[in-house]
Amino acid sequence: MSRENTGAGFYTGFEIAGTSNDQLGWPWMIDGPLARVQVVSKEVLMGFILWGPERGGPQLEGFQYGNDVDLYEYDLFALQIISLEWPRAS
């Protein structure tokens, strides 16, 4: 497992025990939910993408939507999820 804090978000790389990237059989990108996240005293809107093996995964990307919170200042494990909002299928 690996984690990179980009300041505006993060990348978390991981492995699924007992499988290889070839066995996963998922699309190159899975769009995830929007999350309202509490960072100390600030509320931040974040999006998530699960990247498949074709794009350097498996890897979870978390990123901010229009916020100016520098996440370098905070421990990413201390983020508290307030709510999840799943995009509606079009």
Protein backbone atom coordinates (compact mmCIF):
# COMPACT_ATOMS: atom_id res chain seq x y z
CA MET A 1 0.00 0.00 0.00
CA SER A 2 1.21 3.49 -0.80
CA ARG A 3 -0.13 7.00 -0.29
CA GLU A 4 0.83 10.26 -1.98
CA ASN A 5 -0.57 13.56 -0.71
CA THR A 6 -0.74 16.06 -3.58
CA GLY A 7 -1.94 19.02 -1.50
CA ALA A 8 -5.24 19.13 -3.41
CA GLY A 9 -5.96 15.45 -2.82
CA PHE A 10 -4.25 12.09 -2.66
CA TYR A 11 -3.48 8.83 -4.43
CA THR A 12 -3.61 5.54 -2.53
CA GLY A 13 -2.16 2.49 -4.26
CA PHE A 14 -3.15 -0.96 -3.03
CA GLU A 15 -3.10 -4.64 -3.88
CA ILE A 16 -5.93 -7.14 -3.71
CA ALA A 17 -4.61 -10.26 -2.00
CA GLY A 18 -4.50 -13.37 -4.13
CA THR A 19 -4.99 -11.59 -7.47
CA SER A 20 -2.87 -10.11 -10.19
CA ASN A 21 -3.76 -6.96 -12.14
CA ASP A 22 -4.67 -9.19 -15.10
CA GLN A 23 -7.26 -11.05 -13.02
CA LEU A 24 -9.13 -7.97 -11.83
CA GLY A 25 -11.07 -7.49 -15.08
CA TRP A 26 -12.37 -4.01 -14.27
CA PRO A 27 -12.64 -0.97 -16.55
CA TRP A 28 -9.76 1.49 -16.63
CA MET A 29 -11.71 3.98 -14.47
CA ILE A 30 -14.64 3.74 -12.04
CA ASP A 31 -16.15 7.10 -11.07
CA GLY A 32 -16.93 7.21 -7.37
CA PRO A 33 -19.04 9.31 -5.05
CA LEU A 34 -18.74 12.93 -4.02
CA ALA A 35 -17.98 13.25 -0.34
CA ARG A 36 -18.44 16.14 2.02
CA VAL A 37 -15.43 15.82 4.28
CA GLN A 38 -14.59 17.60 7.52
CA VAL A 39 -10.94 18.72 7.66
CA VAL A 40 -10.43 20.18 11.13
CA SER A 41 -12.91 23.12 11.03
CA LYS A 42 -13.42 23.25 7.25
CA GLU A 43 -15.89 21.35 5.09
CA VAL A 44 -14.40 20.18 1.78
CA LEU A 45 -16.17 18.65 -1.24
CA MET A 46 -14.10 15.80 -2.68
CA GLY A 47 -14.49 13.38 -5.57
CA PHE A 48 -13.07 9.89 -5.90
CA ILE A 49 -11.92 7.74 -8.83
CA LEU A 50 -10.82 4.12 -8.71
CA TRP A 51 -8.15 3.64 -11.38
CA GLY A 52 -7.67 0.22 -12.94
CA PRO A 53 -4.45 -1.52 -13.94
CA GLU A 54 -4.34 0.13 -17.38
CA ARG A 55 -3.85 3.52 -15.71
CA GLY A 56 -1.31 2.57 -13.06
CA GLY A 57 -3.76 1.03 -10.60
CA PRO A 58 -5.24 -0.37 -8.66
CA GLN A 59 -5.28 3.08 -7.15
CA LEU A 60 -7.82 5.33 -5.43
CA GLU A 61 -7.64 9.04 -6.23
CA GLY A 62 -9.28 11.63 -4.00
CA PHE A 63 -9.47 15.24 -5.18
CA GLN A 64 -11.07 18.53 -4.15
CA TYR A 65 -13.81 20.36 -6.03
CA GLY A 66 -13.08 24.09 -6.01
CA ASN A 67 -11.73 24.24 -2.48
CA ASP A 68 -8.62 26.07 -1.44
CA VAL A 69 -7.70 23.82 1.50
CA ASP A 70 -4.06 22.76 1.38
CA LEU A 71 -4.24 19.14 2.48
CA TYR A 72 -0.47 19.05 3.04
CA GLU A 73 -1.22 20.64 6.41
CA TYR A 74 -3.45 17.77 7.56
CA ASP A 75 -3.21 14.08 8.32
CA LEU A 76 -5.29 12.42 5.60
CA PHE A 77 -6.27 9.65 8.02
CA ALA A 78 -8.01 12.31 10.16
CA LEU A 79 -10.55 13.27 7.45
CA GLN A 80 -14.12 12.66 8.58
CA ILE A 81 -16.80 11.91 5.98
CA ILE A 82 -19.95 13.95 6.56
CA SER A 83 -21.97 12.60 3.61
CA LEU A 84 -21.63 10.68 0.34
CA GLU A 85 -23.46 11.72 -2.82
CA TRP A 86 -23.50 9.25 -5.71
CA PRO A 87 -23.76 10.76 -9.20
CA ARG A 88 -26.99 9.88 -10.98
CA ALA A 89 -26.73 7.74 -14.08
CA SER A 90 -27.46 9.67 -17.26
